[in-house]
Amino acid sequence: MPLRTIHAPGVYHGLRQKPPFFEGWYYKLVSADEYYKIVLIPGVILGQNGHAFLQVMNGVDGKTAYLEFPLTDFRADDRKFSIGLDKNRFDEHHLHIELDTTSCQLKGDIQLGALNPWPITWFSPGIMGWFAWFPHMECYHGILSFSHTLQGSLTWNGTEMDFSGGRGYIEKDWGKSFPSAWIWLQSNHFAATDACITASVAVIPWTGFDFRGFIVGFWLDGSLHRFATYNGSRIISLQIFDDYVSWVLQNRQFRLSLKAFRVQGGLLLGPTRQDMGQRVMETLNATVEVRLETLQGKLLFEGTGAHTGLEVMGNLPRLLQK
């Protein structure tokens, strides 16, 4: 993997990578009236059954589609954020979709406004922090945009979805496999504010053992509040119930409390070291209550994020261990 890609999470990281390897770009779109919600995930997996793919999820009804493409139809660049799947194009400015199969008829164009990515510095190149420099992590993560505007529409199985004036989000994952257990949530729909939250905690394999690692970013009023394993933050409590997840963290200055309410969603496919065989339940209809305060108890923010993406997956008893 060229060193230049470490500071460019949006580009393709798979050149000269040996299997197992996967890479996927996650686009979330929510319409201005907040009715239509859709996820598009173009990606590639290298291995015995290597192929490119496009996953689609309709957040309104939870219906999903997984479309395979031969590797010869996959085009990506390790110098710029640009992906092609046959006639479909994905980059930082524009989405062009042309799908016409028995399981999914989806066509349209979406223009993306200016992206708001996780800040990148030489030592801390994105949400992974200095972990991004380690060459043998199981899974890498990137936040390409906390929030951006949308213009355009998509037509899904005859239904036109107008996303003009709506809001988008982009992240990505790449590596050898998804973790054995994780919680992930994201929302950029808080009333009367530009607040955005992205948060994940997972079991991370590390040179013969594993540990519970986490990365959380809360964007508020032009500032990013970071809570992560690599910056000395710690988990005060993490609880998983049938209908909600409760999570409290703190860093050297602030305490962040999250309560995400679980609802039914749709089934996506995630990567293992063998194939795209992991069934991942994701919803776009969760809500998350967020509270940010100083360690002295001064309240800085309290609000509820709508249209929250939420996944709670894998060996959860191990995830709850400290």
Protein backbone atom coordinates (compact mmCIF):
# COMPACT_ATOMS: atom_id res chain seq x y z
CA MET A 1 0.00 0.00 0.00
CA PRO A 2 1.62 3.30 -1.06
CA LEU A 3 2.35 5.63 1.85
CA ARG A 4 0.48 8.47 0.16
CA THR A 5 -2.81 6.58 0.59
CA ILE A 6 -2.49 6.72 4.39
CA HIS A 7 -3.29 10.44 4.23
CA ALA A 8 -6.03 9.95 1.62
CA PRO A 9 -8.69 7.62 3.04
CA GLY A 10 -11.04 8.23 0.11
CA VAL A 11 -8.77 6.72 -2.54
CA TYR A 12 -8.44 3.04 -3.42
CA HIS A 13 -6.12 1.12 -1.08
CA GLY A 14 -6.22 -2.24 -2.85
CA LEU A 15 -3.45 -1.88 -5.42
CA ARG A 16 -0.84 -4.62 -4.89
CA GLN A 17 -2.83 -5.99 -1.95
CA LYS A 18 -2.94 -9.77 -1.56
CA PRO A 19 -6.19 -11.57 -0.62
CA PRO A 20 -8.02 -11.49 1.64
CA PHE A 21 -8.83 -7.84 1.01
CA PHE A 22 -12.00 -5.77 0.78
CA GLU A 23 -12.82 -2.11 0.32
CA GLY A 24 -16.18 -0.36 0.40
CA TRP A 25 -17.44 3.22 0.18
CA TYR A 26 -20.63 3.97 2.16
CA TYR A 27 -22.91 6.74 0.83
CA LYS A 28 -25.97 7.68 2.89
CA LEU A 29 -28.60 10.02 1.40
CA VAL A 30 -31.60 11.54 3.20
CA SER A 31 -34.15 13.72 1.38
CA ALA A 32 -34.99 17.28 2.46
CA ASP A 33 -38.40 16.20 3.78
CA GLU A 34 -36.60 13.34 5.60
CA TYR A 35 -38.87 10.71 4.06
CA TYR A 36 -36.55 9.04 1.57
CA LYS A 37 -33.40 7.39 2.91
CA ILE A 38 -31.03 5.28 0.89
CA VAL A 39 -27.58 3.74 1.28
CA LEU A 40 -25.29 2.93 -1.64
CA ILE A 41 -22.12 0.87 -1.04
CA PRO A 42 -19.84 0.30 -4.02
CA GLY A 43 -16.91 -1.95 -3.26
CA VAL A 44 -14.64 -4.86 -4.09
CA ILE A 45 -13.48 -8.08 -2.45
CA LEU A 46 -10.36 -9.97 -3.49
CA GLY A 47 -10.07 -13.71 -2.94
CA GLN A 48 -11.29 -17.05 -4.24
CA ASN A 49 -14.61 -15.56 -5.37
CA GLY A 50 -13.29 -12.07 -5.97
CA HIS A 51 -15.73 -9.58 -7.44
CA ALA A 52 -16.90 -6.00 -7.31
CA PHE A 53 -20.28 -5.17 -5.82
CA LEU A 54 -22.89 -2.54 -5.21
CA GLN A 55 -25.17 -2.83 -2.19
CA VAL A 56 -28.33 -0.78 -1.97
CA MET A 57 -30.65 -0.32 1.01
CA ASN A 58 -33.94 1.53 1.05
CA GLY A 59 -34.23 3.01 4.52
CA VAL A 60 -37.99 3.45 4.21
CA ASP A 61 -38.85 -0.26 4.03
CA GLY A 62 -35.51 -1.94 4.76
CA LYS A 63 -35.33 -3.65 1.37
CA THR A 64 -31.83 -4.38 0.14
CA ALA A 65 -30.10 -5.56 -3.02
CA TYR A 66 -26.61 -7.00 -3.55
CA LEU A 67 -25.36 -6.73 -7.10
CA GLU A 68 -22.17 -8.47 -8.23
CA PHE A 69 -19.88 -7.20 -10.99
CA PRO A 70 -16.82 -8.86 -12.53
CA LEU A 71 -13.53 -7.39 -11.39
CA THR A 72 -12.99 -6.16 -14.94
CA ASP A 73 -15.95 -3.77 -14.42
CA PHE A 74 -14.34 -2.22 -11.31
CA ARG A 75 -12.32 0.95 -11.74
CA ALA A 76 -10.69 2.85 -8.89
CA ASP A 77 -7.75 5.16 -8.37
CA ASP A 78 -5.13 5.33 -5.61
CA ARG A 79 -4.54 9.02 -6.29
CA LYS A 80 -8.08 10.39 -6.28
CA PHE A 81 -11.47 9.52 -4.81
CA SER A 82 -13.21 7.95 -7.82
CA ILE A 83 -14.92 4.58 -8.29
CA GLY A 84 -16.54 3.02 -11.33
CA LEU A 85 -18.75 -0.08 -11.55
CA ASP A 86 -19.71 -0.71 -15.16
CA LYS A 87 -21.86 2.36 -16.00
CA ASN A 88 -22.09 3.52 -12.38
CA ARG A 89 -19.83 6.27 -11.05
CA PHE A 90 -19.09 7.41 -7.48
CA ASP A 91 -16.78 10.23 -6.37
CA GLU A 92 -16.65 13.25 -4.06
CA HIS A 93 -18.80 15.41 -6.33
CA HIS A 94 -21.30 13.19 -8.11
CA LEU A 95 -23.15 9.88 -8.14
CA HIS A 96 -24.38 8.38 -11.41
CA ILE A 97 -26.47 5.20 -11.12
CA GLU A 98 -27.68 2.91 -13.91
CA LEU A 99 -28.99 -0.40 -12.57
CA ASP A 100 -31.56 -2.54 -14.34
CA THR A 101 -31.77 -6.06 -12.92
CA THR A 102 -34.61 -8.29 -11.78
CA SER A 103 -33.89 -7.38 -8.14
CA CYS A 104 -33.15 -3.67 -8.51
CA GLN A 105 -34.04 -0.97 -11.02
CA LEU A 106 -32.28 2.19 -9.87
CA LYS A 107 -31.30 5.16 -12.00
CA GLY A 108 -30.39 8.79 -11.46
CA ASP A 109 -27.79 11.43 -10.70
CA ILE A 110 -26.94 13.13 -7.41
CA GLN A 111 -24.64 16.13 -7.04
CA LEU A 112 -22.80 16.39 -3.72
CA GLY A 113 -21.99 19.69 -2.02
CA ALA A 114 -18.65 20.41 -0.35
CA LEU A 115 -17.61 17.50 1.85
CA ASN A 116 -16.74 17.86 5.54
CA PRO A 117 -14.20 15.10 6.27
CA TRP A 118 -12.52 14.09 9.51
CA PRO A 119 -9.43 16.33 9.71
CA ILE A 120 -6.17 14.78 8.48
CA THR A 121 -2.73 15.60 9.85
CA TRP A 122 0.61 13.91 9.18
CA PHE A 123 0.68 12.09 12.53
CA SER A 124 -3.08 11.50 12.79
CA PRO A 125 -4.39 10.81 9.26
CA GLY A 126 -8.13 10.72 9.93
CA ILE A 127 -10.41 8.92 12.34
CA MET A 128 -7.95 6.02 12.84
CA GLY A 129 -5.39 8.36 14.41
CA TRP A 130 -1.91 6.89 14.62
CA PHE A 131 -3.37 3.39 14.20
CA ALA A 132 -3.60 4.27 10.49
CA TRP A 133 0.18 3.86 10.29
CA PHE A 134 0.07 0.19 11.36
CA PRO A 135 0.21 -2.04 8.25
CA HIS A 136 -1.59 -5.15 9.53
CA MET A 137 -4.84 -3.91 11.07
CA GLU A 138 -7.83 -6.17 10.36
CA CYS A 139 -10.04 -3.24 9.31
CA TYR A 140 -9.36 0.43 8.57
CA HIS A 141 -11.99 3.16 8.70
CA GLY A 142 -12.34 6.61 7.16
CA ILE A 143 -14.84 9.48 7.49
CA LEU A 144 -15.02 11.21 4.12
CA SER A 145 -17.84 13.60 5.05
CA PHE A 146 -19.77 14.21 8.26
CA SER A 147 -22.43 16.10 6.29
CA HIS A 148 -22.95 17.70 2.87
CA THR A 149 -25.82 18.90 0.70
CA LEU A 150 -27.49 16.92 -2.08
CA GLN A 151 -29.06 17.85 -5.41
CA GLY A 152 -30.79 15.49 -7.79
CA SER A 153 -33.02 12.44 -7.73
CA LEU A 154 -33.02 8.66 -8.02
CA THR A 155 -35.76 6.40 -9.35
CA TRP A 156 -36.04 3.06 -7.54
CA ASN A 157 -38.35 0.44 -9.08
CA GLY A 158 -40.52 3.20 -10.56
CA THR A 159 -40.61 5.46 -7.49
CA GLU A 160 -38.86 8.82 -7.89
CA MET A 161 -36.90 9.95 -4.83
CA ASP A 162 -36.05 13.64 -4.86
CA PHE A 163 -32.95 14.34 -2.75
CA SER A 164 -32.55 18.02 -3.68
CA GLY A 165 -31.88 20.02 -0.53
CA GLY A 166 -31.23 16.83 1.40
CA ARG A 167 -28.23 15.75 3.41
CA GLY A 168 -25.55 13.13 2.85
CA TYR A 169 -22.82 11.27 4.71
CA ILE A 170 -19.83 9.24 3.43
CA GLU A 171 -17.51 6.80 5.17
CA LYS A 172 -15.50 3.79 4.11
CA ASP A 173 -13.85 0.60 5.33
CA TRP A 174 -11.02 -1.50 3.95
CA GLY A 175 -8.81 -4.34 5.12
CA LYS A 176 -9.06 -8.09 5.56
CA SER A 177 -12.39 -8.54 7.37
CA PHE A 178 -15.01 -6.87 9.51
CA PRO A 179 -14.43 -7.32 13.27
CA SER A 180 -15.84 -10.24 15.25
CA ALA A 181 -18.11 -7.82 17.14
CA TRP A 182 -19.00 -4.15 16.88
CA ILE A 183 -21.47 -1.33 17.48
CA TRP A 184 -21.68 1.45 14.91
CA LEU A 185 -23.95 4.48 14.80
CA GLN A 186 -24.18 7.71 12.79
CA SER A 187 -26.52 10.68 12.54
CA ASN A 188 -26.33 14.17 11.06
CA HIS A 189 -29.98 15.09 11.67
CA PHE A 190 -30.21 17.10 14.89
CA ALA A 191 -32.85 19.84 15.15
CA ALA A 192 -31.66 23.40 14.49
CA THR A 193 -27.95 22.57 14.60
CA ASP A 194 -25.10 21.32 12.43
CA ALA A 195 -24.26 18.59 14.94
CA CYS A 196 -23.11 15.22 13.59
CA ILE A 197 -22.13 12.03 15.39
CA THR A 198 -20.25 8.98 14.21
CA ALA A 199 -19.27 6.31 16.73
CA SER A 200 -18.01 2.75 16.72
CA VAL A 201 -16.60 0.26 19.19
CA ALA A 202 -15.22 -3.10 18.12
CA VAL A 203 -13.10 -6.08 19.10
CA ILE A 204 -9.68 -5.45 17.53
CA PRO A 205 -7.20 -8.33 16.99
CA TRP A 206 -3.64 -7.30 17.85
CA THR A 207 -0.49 -9.51 17.66
CA GLY A 208 -1.90 -12.61 19.32
CA PHE A 209 -4.61 -11.06 21.49
CA ASP A 210 -7.50 -8.66 21.08
CA PHE A 211 -8.78 -5.52 22.75
CA ARG A 212 -11.87 -3.31 22.74
CA GLY A 213 -11.15 -0.27 20.63
CA PHE A 214 -13.37 2.71 19.91
CA ILE A 215 -13.45 5.84 17.77
CA VAL A 216 -16.08 8.55 18.21
CA GLY A 217 -16.38 11.95 16.61
CA PHE A 218 -19.00 14.54 17.59
CA TRP A 219 -19.07 17.59 15.32
CA LEU A 220 -20.60 20.64 16.98
CA ASP A 221 -20.46 24.32 16.03
CA GLY A 222 -17.42 23.91 13.83
CA SER A 223 -15.41 21.84 16.32
CA LEU A 224 -14.75 18.10 16.39
CA HIS A 225 -14.83 16.43 19.80
CA ARG A 226 -12.75 13.23 19.62
CA PHE A 227 -13.11 10.23 21.91
CA ALA A 228 -10.83 7.35 20.91
CA THR A 229 -8.62 4.61 22.25
CA TYR A 230 -5.57 6.30 20.75
CA ASN A 231 -6.05 9.70 22.46
CA GLY A 232 -6.44 8.51 26.04
CA SER A 233 -10.24 8.55 26.15
CA ARG A 234 -12.01 5.81 28.05
CA ILE A 235 -15.35 4.06 28.19
CA ILE A 236 -17.17 4.77 31.45
CA SER A 237 -20.01 2.38 30.67
CA LEU A 238 -21.35 0.35 27.74
CA GLN A 239 -24.66 -1.52 27.98
CA ILE A 240 -26.63 -3.38 25.32
CA PHE A 241 -30.34 -4.07 25.76
CA ASP A 242 -32.97 -5.46 23.40
CA ASP A 243 -34.34 -2.02 22.59
CA TYR A 244 -31.42 0.36 23.14
CA VAL A 245 -27.67 0.78 23.58
CA SER A 246 -26.27 3.05 26.29
CA TRP A 247 -22.68 4.30 26.03
CA VAL A 248 -20.80 6.86 28.13
CA LEU A 249 -17.26 8.02 27.30
CA GLN A 250 -14.91 10.70 28.45
CA ASN A 251 -11.68 12.31 27.34
CA ARG A 252 -9.48 14.78 29.20
CA GLN A 253 -12.06 17.59 28.98
CA PHE A 254 -15.52 16.23 28.18
CA ARG A 255 -18.02 13.49 28.89
CA LEU A 256 -20.22 12.18 26.07
CA SER A 257 -23.38 10.16 26.73
CA LEU A 258 -25.13 8.25 23.93
CA LYS A 259 -28.38 6.31 24.02
CA ALA A 260 -29.35 4.72 20.70
CA PHE A 261 -32.76 3.13 20.28
CA ARG A 262 -32.79 -0.09 18.24
CA VAL A 263 -35.38 -0.78 15.53
CA GLN A 264 -35.68 -3.31 12.71
CA GLY A 265 -33.73 -2.68 9.52
CA GLY A 266 -32.43 -4.45 6.45
CA LEU A 267 -29.78 -7.11 5.84
CA LEU A 268 -26.53 -6.07 4.21
CA LEU A 269 -23.53 -8.30 3.51
CA GLY A 270 -20.16 -7.74 5.15
CA PRO A 271 -16.69 -9.13 4.44
CA THR A 272 -15.03 -12.08 6.14
CA ARG A 273 -11.59 -13.43 5.28
CA GLN A 274 -13.30 -15.81 2.84
CA ASP A 275 -16.07 -13.85 1.14
CA MET A 276 -18.92 -11.35 1.52
CA GLY A 277 -20.83 -13.86 3.62
CA GLN A 278 -21.43 -11.97 6.87
CA ARG A 279 -25.03 -10.90 7.35
CA VAL A 280 -25.17 -7.39 8.81
CA MET A 281 -28.43 -5.99 10.20
CA GLU A 282 -28.52 -2.23 9.74
CA THR A 283 -31.27 0.33 10.21
CA LEU A 284 -31.51 3.94 9.10
CA ASN A 285 -34.48 4.57 11.38
CA ALA A 286 -32.89 4.52 14.82
CA THR A 287 -32.63 7.60 17.03
CA VAL A 288 -29.75 8.60 19.27
CA GLU A 289 -29.85 10.85 22.33
CA VAL A 290 -26.60 12.77 22.71
CA ARG A 291 -25.39 14.71 25.74
CA LEU A 292 -22.04 16.52 25.86
CA GLU A 293 -20.79 18.12 29.08
CA THR A 294 -17.55 19.18 30.68
CA LEU A 295 -16.01 16.99 33.36
CA GLN A 296 -17.21 19.63 35.84
CA GLY A 297 -20.81 19.02 34.71
CA LYS A 298 -21.44 22.07 32.50
CA LEU A 299 -23.92 21.08 29.77
CA LEU A 300 -22.72 21.97 26.27
CA PHE A 301 -25.23 20.05 24.14
CA GLU A 302 -28.29 17.88 24.53
CA GLY A 303 -30.31 16.68 21.56
CA THR A 304 -31.69 13.76 19.58
CA GLY A 305 -30.37 12.62 16.23
CA ALA A 306 -32.93 11.25 13.78
CA HIS A 307 -32.43 8.87 10.82
CA THR A 308 -29.61 7.24 12.74
CA GLY A 309 -27.71 4.41 11.13
CA LEU A 310 -27.20 1.66 13.70
CA GLU A 311 -25.53 -1.76 13.72
CA VAL A 312 -25.11 -4.01 16.78
CA MET A 313 -23.34 -7.16 15.63
CA GLY A 314 -21.28 -10.20 16.54
CA ASN A 315 -19.92 -11.57 19.82
CA LEU A 316 -21.52 -8.96 22.07
CA PRO A 317 -20.48 -10.54 25.40
CA ARG A 318 -16.83 -10.12 24.34
CA LEU A 319 -17.54 -6.54 23.28
CA LEU A 320 -18.87 -5.76 26.75
CA GLN A 321 -15.69 -6.99 28.43
CA LYS A 322 -13.23 -4.28 29.41
